[in-house]
Amino acid sequence: VKGLTTAAGLWTSAVIGLSCGAGYVELTMF
């Protein structure tokens, strides 16, 4: 199986985008 890390990275990028949109800048950068 290949691509699991990439899939997890996409999901994490989406969650980071959500935290950024919510204004939680510190969490986004961390």
mmCIF file of all heavy atoms, coordinates in Angstrom:
data_MODEL
# 
_entry.id   MODEL 
# 
loop_
_atom_site.group_PDB 
_atom_site.id 
_atom_site.type_symbol 
_atom_site.label_atom_id 
_atom_site.label_alt_id 
_atom_site.label_comp_id 
_atom_site.label_asym_id 
_atom_site.label_entity_id 
_atom_site.label_seq_id 
_atom_site.pdbx_PDB_ins_code 
_atom_site.Cartn_x 
_atom_site.Cartn_y 
_atom_site.Cartn_z 
_atom_site.occupancy 
_atom_site.B_iso_or_equiv 
_atom_site.pdbx_formal_charge 
_atom_site.auth_seq_id 
_atom_site.auth_comp_id 
_atom_site.auth_asym_id 
_atom_site.auth_atom_id 
_atom_site.pdbx_PDB_model_num 
ATOM 1   N N   . VAL A 1 1  ? 0.847   -1.190 0.000  1.00 0.00 ? 1  VAL A N   1 
ATOM 2   C CA  . VAL A 1 1  ? 0.000   0.000  0.000  1.00 0.00 ? 1  VAL A CA  1 
ATOM 3   C C   . VAL A 1 1  ? 0.883   1.242  0.000  1.00 0.00 ? 1  VAL A C   1 
ATOM 4   O O   . VAL A 1 1  ? 1.781   1.377  0.839  1.00 0.00 ? 1  VAL A O   1 
ATOM 5   C CB  . VAL A 1 1  ? -0.935  0.006  1.227  1.00 0.00 ? 1  VAL A CB  1 
ATOM 6   C CG1 . VAL A 1 1  ? -1.787  1.265  1.237  1.00 0.00 ? 1  VAL A CG1 1 
ATOM 7   C CG2 . VAL A 1 1  ? -1.814  -1.238 1.223  1.00 0.00 ? 1  VAL A CG2 1 
ATOM 8   N N   . LYS A 1 2  ? 0.633   2.138  -0.949 1.00 0.00 ? 2  LYS A N   1 
ATOM 9   C CA  . LYS A 1 2  ? 1.382   3.385  -1.025 1.00 0.00 ? 2  LYS A CA  1 
ATOM 10  C C   . LYS A 1 2  ? 0.396   4.549  -1.054 1.00 0.00 ? 2  LYS A C   1 
ATOM 11  O O   . LYS A 1 2  ? -0.700  4.429  -1.587 1.00 0.00 ? 2  LYS A O   1 
ATOM 12  C CB  . LYS A 1 2  ? 2.266   3.418  -2.280 1.00 0.00 ? 2  LYS A CB  1 
ATOM 13  C CG  . LYS A 1 2  ? 3.309   2.319  -2.334 1.00 0.00 ? 2  LYS A CG  1 
ATOM 14  C CD  . LYS A 1 2  ? 4.235   2.491  -3.516 1.00 0.00 ? 2  LYS A CD  1 
ATOM 15  C CE  . LYS A 1 2  ? 5.101   3.726  -3.381 1.00 0.00 ? 2  LYS A CE  1 
ATOM 16  N NZ  . LYS A 1 2  ? 6.091   3.843  -4.481 1.00 0.00 ? 2  LYS A NZ  1 
ATOM 17  N N   . GLY A 1 3  ? 0.798   5.664  -0.508 1.00 0.00 ? 3  GLY A N   1 
ATOM 18  C CA  . GLY A 1 3  ? -0.028  6.863  -0.559 1.00 0.00 ? 3  GLY A CA  1 
ATOM 19  C C   . GLY A 1 3  ? -0.720  7.213  0.735  1.00 0.00 ? 3  GLY A C   1 
ATOM 20  O O   . GLY A 1 3  ? -1.394  8.239  0.820  1.00 0.00 ? 3  GLY A O   1 
ATOM 21  N N   . LEU A 1 4  ? -0.569  6.378  1.772  1.00 0.00 ? 4  LEU A N   1 
ATOM 22  C CA  . LEU A 1 4  ? -1.251  6.657  3.038  1.00 0.00 ? 4  LEU A CA  1 
ATOM 23  C C   . LEU A 1 4  ? -0.735  7.938  3.682  1.00 0.00 ? 4  LEU A C   1 
ATOM 24  O O   . LEU A 1 4  ? -1.505  8.731  4.227  1.00 0.00 ? 4  LEU A O   1 
ATOM 25  C CB  . LEU A 1 4  ? -1.067  5.475  4.007  1.00 0.00 ? 4  LEU A CB  1 
ATOM 26  C CG  . LEU A 1 4  ? -1.939  4.238  3.754  1.00 0.00 ? 4  LEU A CG  1 
ATOM 27  C CD1 . LEU A 1 4  ? -1.550  3.118  4.702  1.00 0.00 ? 4  LEU A CD1 1 
ATOM 28  C CD2 . LEU A 1 4  ? -3.407  4.568  3.905  1.00 0.00 ? 4  LEU A CD2 1 
ATOM 29  N N   . THR A 1 5  ? 0.579   8.149  3.610  1.00 0.00 ? 5  THR A N   1 
ATOM 30  C CA  . THR A 1 5  ? 1.152   9.364  4.200  1.00 0.00 ? 5  THR A CA  1 
ATOM 31  C C   . THR A 1 5  ? 0.673   10.604 3.458  1.00 0.00 ? 5  THR A C   1 
ATOM 32  O O   . THR A 1 5  ? 0.360   11.632 4.075  1.00 0.00 ? 5  THR A O   1 
ATOM 33  C CB  . THR A 1 5  ? 2.690   9.298  4.168  1.00 0.00 ? 5  THR A CB  1 
ATOM 34  O OG1 . THR A 1 5  ? 3.119   8.131  4.870  1.00 0.00 ? 5  THR A OG1 1 
ATOM 35  C CG2 . THR A 1 5  ? 3.296   10.528 4.834  1.00 0.00 ? 5  THR A CG2 1 
ATOM 36  N N   . THR A 1 6  ? 0.587   10.519 2.139  1.00 0.00 ? 6  THR A N   1 
ATOM 37  C CA  . THR A 1 6  ? 0.087   11.646 1.351  1.00 0.00 ? 6  THR A CA  1 
ATOM 38  C C   . THR A 1 6  ? -1.368  11.938 1.683  1.00 0.00 ? 6  THR A C   1 
ATOM 39  O O   . THR A 1 6  ? -1.768  13.102 1.829  1.00 0.00 ? 6  THR A O   1 
ATOM 40  C CB  . THR A 1 6  ? 0.230   11.353 -0.154 1.00 0.00 ? 6  THR A CB  1 
ATOM 41  O OG1 . THR A 1 6  ? 1.607   11.123 -0.457 1.00 0.00 ? 6  THR A OG1 1 
ATOM 42  C CG2 . THR A 1 6  ? -0.273  12.524 -0.986 1.00 0.00 ? 6  THR A CG2 1 
ATOM 43  N N   . ALA A 1 7  ? -2.171  10.882 1.818  1.00 0.00 ? 7  ALA A N   1 
ATOM 44  C CA  . ALA A 1 7  ? -3.587  11.061 2.175  1.00 0.00 ? 7  ALA A CA  1 
ATOM 45  C C   . ALA A 1 7  ? -3.719  11.703 3.553  1.00 0.00 ? 7  ALA A C   1 
ATOM 46  O O   . ALA A 1 7  ? -4.539  12.608 3.757  1.00 0.00 ? 7  ALA A O   1 
ATOM 47  C CB  . ALA A 1 7  ? -4.303  9.712  2.149  1.00 0.00 ? 7  ALA A CB  1 
ATOM 48  N N   . ALA A 1 8  ? -2.890  11.248 4.493  1.00 0.00 ? 8  ALA A N   1 
ATOM 49  C CA  . ALA A 1 8  ? -2.920  11.838 5.834  1.00 0.00 ? 8  ALA A CA  1 
ATOM 50  C C   . ALA A 1 8  ? -2.466  13.292 5.795  1.00 0.00 ? 8  ALA A C   1 
ATOM 51  O O   . ALA A 1 8  ? -2.999  14.149 6.524  1.00 0.00 ? 8  ALA A O   1 
ATOM 52  C CB  . ALA A 1 8  ? -2.022  11.032 6.782  1.00 0.00 ? 8  ALA A CB  1 
ATOM 53  N N   . GLY A 1 9  ? -1.493  13.590 4.930  1.00 0.00 ? 9  GLY A N   1 
ATOM 54  C CA  . GLY A 1 9  ? -1.026  14.968 4.790  1.00 0.00 ? 9  GLY A CA  1 
ATOM 55  C C   . GLY A 1 9  ? -2.096  15.882 4.223  1.00 0.00 ? 9  GLY A C   1 
ATOM 56  O O   . GLY A 1 9  ? -2.232  17.041 4.653  1.00 0.00 ? 9  GLY A O   1 
ATOM 57  N N   . LEU A 1 10 ? -2.877  15.385 3.269  1.00 0.00 ? 10 LEU A N   1 
ATOM 58  C CA  . LEU A 1 10 ? -3.980  16.176 2.708  1.00 0.00 ? 10 LEU A CA  1 
ATOM 59  C C   . LEU A 1 10 ? -5.027  16.464 3.777  1.00 0.00 ? 10 LEU A C   1 
ATOM 60  O O   . LEU A 1 10 ? -5.541  17.581 3.882  1.00 0.00 ? 10 LEU A O   1 
ATOM 61  C CB  . LEU A 1 10 ? -4.614  15.418 1.542  1.00 0.00 ? 10 LEU A CB  1 
ATOM 62  C CG  . LEU A 1 10 ? -3.804  15.367 0.240  1.00 0.00 ? 10 LEU A CG  1 
ATOM 63  C CD1 . LEU A 1 10 ? -4.467  14.426 -0.751 1.00 0.00 ? 10 LEU A CD1 1 
ATOM 64  C CD2 . LEU A 1 10 ? -3.653  16.753 -0.364 1.00 0.00 ? 10 LEU A CD2 1 
ATOM 65  N N   . TRP A 1 11 ? -5.363  15.444 4.556  1.00 0.00 ? 11 TRP A N   1 
ATOM 66  C CA  . TRP A 1 11 ? -6.346  15.632 5.625  1.00 0.00 ? 11 TRP A CA  1 
ATOM 67  C C   . TRP A 1 11 ? -5.847  16.651 6.641  1.00 0.00 ? 11 TRP A C   1 
ATOM 68  O O   . TRP A 1 11 ? -6.581  17.526 7.082  1.00 0.00 ? 11 TRP A O   1 
ATOM 69  C CB  . TRP A 1 11 ? -6.615  14.288 6.297  1.00 0.00 ? 11 TRP A CB  1 
ATOM 70  C CG  . TRP A 1 11 ? -7.715  14.329 7.315  1.00 0.00 ? 11 TRP A CG  1 
ATOM 71  C CD1 . TRP A 1 11 ? -9.056  14.181 7.081  1.00 0.00 ? 11 TRP A CD1 1 
ATOM 72  C CD2 . TRP A 1 11 ? -7.569  14.538 8.725  1.00 0.00 ? 11 TRP A CD2 1 
ATOM 73  N NE1 . TRP A 1 11 ? -9.746  14.271 8.262  1.00 0.00 ? 11 TRP A NE1 1 
ATOM 74  C CE2 . TRP A 1 11 ? -8.866  14.497 9.293  1.00 0.00 ? 11 TRP A CE2 1 
ATOM 75  C CE3 . TRP A 1 11 ? -6.487  14.755 9.564  1.00 0.00 ? 11 TRP A CE3 1 
ATOM 76  C CZ2 . TRP A 1 11 ? -9.094  14.656 10.656 1.00 0.00 ? 11 TRP A CZ2 1 
ATOM 77  C CZ3 . TRP A 1 11 ? -6.706  14.913 10.922 1.00 0.00 ? 11 TRP A CZ3 1 
ATOM 78  C CH2 . TRP A 1 11 ? -7.997  14.869 11.453 1.00 0.00 ? 11 TRP A CH2 1 
ATOM 79  N N   . THR A 1 12 ? -4.563  16.534 7.004  1.00 0.00 ? 12 THR A N   1 
ATOM 80  C CA  . THR A 1 12 ? -3.990  17.470 7.974  1.00 0.00 ? 12 THR A CA  1 
ATOM 81  C C   . THR A 1 12 ? -3.939  18.885 7.411  1.00 0.00 ? 12 THR A C   1 
ATOM 82  O O   . THR A 1 12 ? -4.187  19.856 8.141  1.00 0.00 ? 12 THR A O   1 
ATOM 83  C CB  . THR A 1 12 ? -2.568  17.021 8.367  1.00 0.00 ? 12 THR A CB  1 
ATOM 84  O OG1 . THR A 1 12 ? -2.609  15.664 8.838  1.00 0.00 ? 12 THR A OG1 1 
ATOM 85  C CG2 . THR A 1 12 ? -2.002  17.898 9.470  1.00 0.00 ? 12 THR A CG2 1 
ATOM 86  N N   . SER A 1 13 ? -3.623  19.030 6.123  1.00 0.00 ? 13 SER A N   1 
ATOM 87  C CA  . SER A 1 13 ? -3.623  20.353 5.496  1.00 0.00 ? 13 SER A CA  1 
ATOM 88  C C   . SER A 1 13 ? -4.996  20.993 5.549  1.00 0.00 ? 13 SER A C   1 
ATOM 89  O O   . SER A 1 13 ? -5.125  22.205 5.757  1.00 0.00 ? 13 SER A O   1 
ATOM 90  C CB  . SER A 1 13 ? -3.158  20.240 4.031  1.00 0.00 ? 13 SER A CB  1 
ATOM 91  O OG  . SER A 1 13 ? -1.806  19.869 3.954  1.00 0.00 ? 13 SER A OG  1 
ATOM 92  N N   . ALA A 1 14 ? -6.022  20.164 5.366  1.00 0.00 ? 14 ALA A N   1 
ATOM 93  C CA  . ALA A 1 14 ? -7.391  20.681 5.439  1.00 0.00 ? 14 ALA A CA  1 
ATOM 94  C C   . ALA A 1 14 ? -7.708  21.171 6.854  1.00 0.00 ? 14 ALA A C   1 
ATOM 95  O O   . ALA A 1 14 ? -8.292  22.248 7.036  1.00 0.00 ? 14 ALA A O   1 
ATOM 96  C CB  . ALA A 1 14 ? -8.383  19.599 5.009  1.00 0.00 ? 14 ALA A CB  1 
ATOM 97  N N   . VAL A 1 15 ? -7.307  20.394 7.854  1.00 0.00 ? 15 VAL A N   1 
ATOM 98  C CA  . VAL A 1 15 ? -7.575  20.795 9.241  1.00 0.00 ? 15 VAL A CA  1 
ATOM 99  C C   . VAL A 1 15 ? -6.774  22.050 9.606  1.00 0.00 ? 15 VAL A C   1 
ATOM 100 O O   . VAL A 1 15 ? -7.271  22.938 10.305 1.00 0.00 ? 15 VAL A O   1 
ATOM 101 C CB  . VAL A 1 15 ? -7.236  19.638 10.205 1.00 0.00 ? 15 VAL A CB  1 
ATOM 102 C CG1 . VAL A 1 15 ? -7.448  20.074 11.645 1.00 0.00 ? 15 VAL A CG1 1 
ATOM 103 C CG2 . VAL A 1 15 ? -8.104  18.420 9.895  1.00 0.00 ? 15 VAL A CG2 1 
ATOM 104 N N   . ILE A 1 16 ? -5.543  22.130 9.104  1.00 0.00 ? 16 ILE A N   1 
ATOM 105 C CA  . ILE A 1 16 ? -4.738  23.333 9.335  1.00 0.00 ? 16 ILE A CA  1 
ATOM 106 C C   . ILE A 1 16 ? -5.399  24.541 8.687  1.00 0.00 ? 16 ILE A C   1 
ATOM 107 O O   . ILE A 1 16 ? -5.431  25.636 9.258  1.00 0.00 ? 16 ILE A O   1 
ATOM 108 C CB  . ILE A 1 16 ? -3.307  23.133 8.788  1.00 0.00 ? 16 ILE A CB  1 
ATOM 109 C CG1 . ILE A 1 16 ? -2.534  22.170 9.691  1.00 0.00 ? 16 ILE A CG1 1 
ATOM 110 C CG2 . ILE A 1 16 ? -2.559  24.463 8.693  1.00 0.00 ? 16 ILE A CG2 1 
ATOM 111 C CD1 . ILE A 1 16 ? -1.156  21.797 9.174  1.00 0.00 ? 16 ILE A CD1 1 
ATOM 112 N N   . GLY A 1 17 ? -5.967  24.352 7.502  1.00 0.00 ? 17 GLY A N   1 
ATOM 113 C CA  . GLY A 1 17 ? -6.701  25.430 6.848  1.00 0.00 ? 17 GLY A CA  1 
ATOM 114 C C   . GLY A 1 17 ? -7.906  25.869 7.662  1.00 0.00 ? 17 GLY A C   1 
ATOM 115 O O   . GLY A 1 17 ? -8.215  27.066 7.752  1.00 0.00 ? 17 GLY A O   1 
ATOM 116 N N   . LEU A 1 18 ? -8.582  24.910 8.286  1.00 0.00 ? 18 LEU A N   1 
ATOM 117 C CA  . LEU A 1 18 ? -9.730  25.239 9.134  1.00 0.00 ? 18 LEU A CA  1 
ATOM 118 C C   . LEU A 1 18 ? -9.300  26.064 10.347 1.00 0.00 ? 18 LEU A C   1 
ATOM 119 O O   . LEU A 1 18 ? -9.950  27.056 10.701 1.00 0.00 ? 18 LEU A O   1 
ATOM 120 C CB  . LEU A 1 18 ? -10.421 23.961 9.605  1.00 0.00 ? 18 LEU A CB  1 
ATOM 121 C CG  . LEU A 1 18 ? -11.169 23.145 8.537  1.00 0.00 ? 18 LEU A CG  1 
ATOM 122 C CD1 . LEU A 1 18 ? -11.684 21.840 9.138  1.00 0.00 ? 18 LEU A CD1 1 
ATOM 123 C CD2 . LEU A 1 18 ? -12.316 23.945 7.945  1.00 0.00 ? 18 LEU A CD2 1 
ATOM 124 N N   . SER A 1 19 ? -8.213  25.644 10.988 1.00 0.00 ? 19 SER A N   1 
ATOM 125 C CA  . SER A 1 19 ? -7.744  26.386 12.162 1.00 0.00 ? 19 SER A CA  1 
ATOM 126 C C   . SER A 1 19 ? -7.293  27.788 11.779 1.00 0.00 ? 19 SER A C   1 
ATOM 127 O O   . SER A 1 19 ? -7.498  28.746 12.531 1.00 0.00 ? 19 SER A O   1 
ATOM 128 C CB  . SER A 1 19 ? -6.599  25.626 12.839 1.00 0.00 ? 19 SER A CB  1 
ATOM 129 O OG  . SER A 1 19 ? -5.435  25.630 12.033 1.00 0.00 ? 19 SER A OG  1 
ATOM 130 N N   . CYS A 1 20 ? -6.700  27.904 10.586 1.00 0.00 ? 20 CYS A N   1 
ATOM 131 C CA  . CYS A 1 20 ? -6.274  29.226 10.120 1.00 0.00 ? 20 CYS A CA  1 
ATOM 132 C C   . CYS A 1 20 ? -7.478  30.105 9.829  1.00 0.00 ? 20 CYS A C   1 
ATOM 133 O O   . CYS A 1 20 ? -7.518  31.286 10.197 1.00 0.00 ? 20 CYS A O   1 
ATOM 134 C CB  . CYS A 1 20 ? -5.401  29.073 8.876  1.00 0.00 ? 20 CYS A CB  1 
ATOM 135 S SG  . CYS A 1 20 ? -4.651  30.606 8.313  1.00 0.00 ? 20 CYS A SG  1 
ATOM 136 N N   . GLY A 1 21 ? -8.481  29.546 9.173  1.00 0.00 ? 21 GLY A N   1 
ATOM 137 C CA  . GLY A 1 21 ? -9.682  30.307 8.872  1.00 0.00 ? 21 GLY A CA  1 
ATOM 138 C C   . GLY A 1 21 ? -10.425 30.742 10.121 1.00 0.00 ? 21 GLY A C   1 
ATOM 139 O O   . GLY A 1 21 ? -11.057 31.804 10.146 1.00 0.00 ? 21 GLY A O   1 
ATOM 140 N N   . ALA A 1 22 ? -10.320 29.940 11.173 1.00 0.00 ? 22 ALA A N   1 
ATOM 141 C CA  . ALA A 1 22 ? -10.971 30.285 12.429 1.00 0.00 ? 22 ALA A CA  1 
ATOM 142 C C   . ALA A 1 22 ? -10.201 31.352 13.205 1.00 0.00 ? 22 ALA A C   1 
ATOM 143 O O   . ALA A 1 22 ? -10.701 31.852 14.214 1.00 0.00 ? 22 ALA A O   1 
ATOM 144 C CB  . ALA A 1 22 ? -11.133 29.035 13.293 1.00 0.00 ? 22 ALA A CB  1 
ATOM 145 N N   . GLY A 1 23 ? -9.000  31.678 12.741 1.00 0.00 ? 23 GLY A N   1 
ATOM 146 C CA  . GLY A 1 23 ? -8.203  32.707 13.399 1.00 0.00 ? 23 GLY A CA  1 
ATOM 147 C C   . GLY A 1 23 ? -7.249  32.191 14.448 1.00 0.00 ? 23 GLY A C   1 
ATOM 148 O O   . GLY A 1 23 ? -6.617  32.979 15.168 1.00 0.00 ? 23 GLY A O   1 
ATOM 149 N N   . TYR A 1 24 ? -7.110  30.877 14.549 1.00 0.00 ? 24 TYR A N   1 
ATOM 150 C CA  . TYR A 1 24 ? -6.201  30.298 15.529 1.00 0.00 ? 24 TYR A CA  1 
ATOM 151 C C   . TYR A 1 24 ? -4.815  30.228 14.885 1.00 0.00 ? 24 TYR A C   1 
ATOM 152 O O   . TYR A 1 24 ? -4.326  29.156 14.513 1.00 0.00 ? 24 TYR A O   1 
ATOM 153 C CB  . TYR A 1 24 ? -6.693  28.918 15.940 1.00 0.00 ? 24 TYR A CB  1 
ATOM 154 C CG  . TYR A 1 24 ? -6.158  28.424 17.268 1.00 0.00 ? 24 TYR A CG  1 
ATOM 155 C CD1 . TYR A 1 24 ? -6.696  27.294 17.872 1.00 0.00 ? 24 TYR A CD1 1 
ATOM 156 C CD2 . TYR A 1 24 ? -5.120  29.074 17.923 1.00 0.00 ? 24 TYR A CD2 1 
ATOM 157 C CE1 . TYR A 1 24 ? -6.226  26.838 19.092 1.00 0.00 ? 24 TYR A CE1 1 
ATOM 158 C CE2 . TYR A 1 24 ? -4.633  28.623 19.140 1.00 0.00 ? 24 TYR A CE2 1 
ATOM 159 C CZ  . TYR A 1 24 ? -5.188  27.504 19.714 1.00 0.00 ? 24 TYR A CZ  1 
ATOM 160 O OH  . TYR A 1 24 ? -4.703  27.044 20.927 1.00 0.00 ? 24 TYR A OH  1 
ATOM 161 N N   . VAL A 1 25 ? -4.173  31.369 14.772 1.00 0.00 ? 25 VAL A N   1 
ATOM 162 C CA  . VAL A 1 25 ? -2.911  31.490 14.057 1.00 0.00 ? 25 VAL A CA  1 
ATOM 163 C C   . VAL A 1 25 ? -1.808  30.676 14.712 1.00 0.00 ? 25 VAL A C   1 
ATOM 164 O O   . VAL A 1 25 ? -1.001  30.017 14.041 1.00 0.00 ? 25 VAL A O   1 
ATOM 165 C CB  . VAL A 1 25 ? -2.499  32.972 13.954 1.00 0.00 ? 25 VAL A CB  1 
ATOM 166 C CG1 . VAL A 1 25 ? -1.148  33.119 13.245 1.00 0.00 ? 25 VAL A CG1 1 
ATOM 167 C CG2 . VAL A 1 25 ? -3.566  33.772 13.219 1.00 0.00 ? 25 VAL A CG2 1 
ATOM 168 N N   . GLU A 1 26 ? -1.754  30.715 16.043 1.00 0.00 ? 26 GLU A N   1 
ATOM 169 C CA  . GLU A 1 26 ? -0.692  30.013 16.758 1.00 0.00 ? 26 GLU A CA  1 
ATOM 170 C C   . GLU A 1 26 ? -0.740  28.510 16.475 1.00 0.00 ? 26 GLU A C   1 
ATOM 171 O O   . GLU A 1 26 ? 0.287   27.887 16.202 1.00 0.00 ? 26 GLU A O   1 
ATOM 172 C CB  . GLU A 1 26 ? -0.811  30.261 18.267 1.00 0.00 ? 26 GLU A CB  1 
ATOM 173 C CG  . GLU A 1 26 ? -0.615  31.717 18.685 1.00 0.00 ? 26 GLU A CG  1 
ATOM 174 C CD  . GLU A 1 26 ? -1.907  32.533 18.628 1.00 0.00 ? 26 GLU A CD  1 
ATOM 175 O OE1 . GLU A 1 26 ? -2.897  32.049 18.029 1.00 0.00 ? 26 GLU A OE1 1 
ATOM 176 O OE2 . GLU A 1 26 ? -1.925  33.616 19.204 1.00 0.00 ? 26 GLU A OE2 1 
ATOM 177 N N   . LEU A 1 27 ? -1.943  27.939 16.529 1.00 0.00 ? 27 LEU A N   1 
ATOM 178 C CA  . LEU A 1 27 ? -2.087  26.510 16.263 1.00 0.00 ? 27 LEU A CA  1 
ATOM 179 C C   . LEU A 1 27 ? -1.721  26.190 14.823 1.00 0.00 ? 27 LEU A C   1 
ATOM 180 O O   . LEU A 1 27 ? -1.096  25.158 14.551 1.00 0.00 ? 27 LEU A O   1 
ATOM 181 C CB  . LEU A 1 27 ? -3.523  26.061 16.557 1.00 0.00 ? 27 LEU A CB  1 
ATOM 182 C CG  . LEU A 1 27 ? -3.844  24.598 16.229 1.00 0.00 ? 27 LEU A CG  1 
ATOM 183 C CD1 . LEU A 1 27 ? -2.990  23.659 17.071 1.00 0.00 ? 27 LEU A CD1 1 
ATOM 184 C CD2 . LEU A 1 27 ? -5.322  24.302 16.440 1.00 0.00 ? 27 LEU A CD2 1 
ATOM 185 N N   . THR A 1 28 ? -2.103  27.055 13.911 1.00 0.00 ? 28 THR A N   1 
ATOM 186 C CA  . THR A 1 28 ? -1.809  26.835 12.494 1.00 0.00 ? 28 THR A CA  1 
ATOM 187 C C   . THR A 1 28 ? -0.311  26.701 12.256 1.00 0.00 ? 28 THR A C   1 
ATOM 188 O O   . THR A 1 28 ? 0.149   25.761 11.593 1.00 0.00 ? 28 THR A O   1 
ATOM 189 C CB  . THR A 1 28 ? -2.368  27.994 11.652 1.00 0.00 ? 28 THR A CB  1 
ATOM 190 O OG1 . THR A 1 28 ? -3.777  28.064 11.823 1.00 0.00 ? 28 THR A OG1 1 
ATOM 191 C CG2 . THR A 1 28 ? -2.043  27.791 10.181 1.00 0.00 ? 28 THR A CG2 1 
ATOM 192 N N   . MET A 1 29 ? 0.451   27.627 12.785 1.00 0.00 ? 29 MET A N   1 
ATOM 193 C CA  . MET A 1 29 ? 1.894   27.604 12.577 1.00 0.00 ? 29 MET A CA  1 
ATOM 194 C C   . MET A 1 29 ? 2.546   26.441 13.316 1.00 0.00 ? 29 MET A C   1 
ATOM 195 O O   . MET A 1 29 ? 3.463   25.795 12.800 1.00 0.00 ? 29 MET A O   1 
ATOM 196 C CB  . MET A 1 29 ? 2.500   28.939 13.018 1.00 0.00 ? 29 MET A CB  1 
ATOM 197 C CG  . MET A 1 29 ? 2.043   30.120 12.165 1.00 0.00 ? 29 MET A CG  1 
ATOM 198 S SD  . MET A 1 29 ? 2.941   31.650 12.491 1.00 0.00 ? 29 MET A SD  1 
ATOM 199 C CE  . MET A 1 29 ? 2.390   31.998 14.178 1.00 0.00 ? 29 MET A CE  1 
ATOM 200 N N   . PHE A 1 30 ? 2.072   26.169 14.533 1.00 0.00 ? 30 PHE A N   1 
ATOM 201 C CA  . PHE A 1 30 ? 2.647   25.073 15.310 1.00 0.00 ? 30 PHE A CA  1 
ATOM 202 C C   . PHE A 1 30 ? 2.356   23.728 14.648 1.00 0.00 ? 30 PHE A C   1 
ATOM 203 O O   . PHE A 1 30 ? 3.228   22.858 14.576 1.00 0.00 ? 30 PHE A O   1 
ATOM 204 C CB  . PHE A 1 30 ? 2.085   25.102 16.730 1.00 0.00 ? 30 PHE A CB  1 
ATOM 205 C CG  . PHE A 1 30 ? 2.709   24.093 17.646 1.00 0.00 ? 30 PHE A CG  1 
ATOM 206 C CD1 . PHE A 1 30 ? 4.003   24.254 18.109 1.00 0.00 ? 30 PHE A CD1 1 
ATOM 207 C CD2 . PHE A 1 30 ? 1.996   22.967 18.050 1.00 0.00 ? 30 PHE A CD2 1 
ATOM 208 C CE1 . PHE A 1 30 ? 4.586   23.323 18.955 1.00 0.00 ? 30 PHE A CE1 1 
ATOM 209 C CE2 . PHE A 1 30 ? 2.573   22.027 18.892 1.00 0.00 ? 30 PHE A CE2 1 
ATOM 210 C CZ  . PHE A 1 30 ? 3.865   22.205 19.350 1.00 0.00 ? 30 PHE A CZ  1 
# 
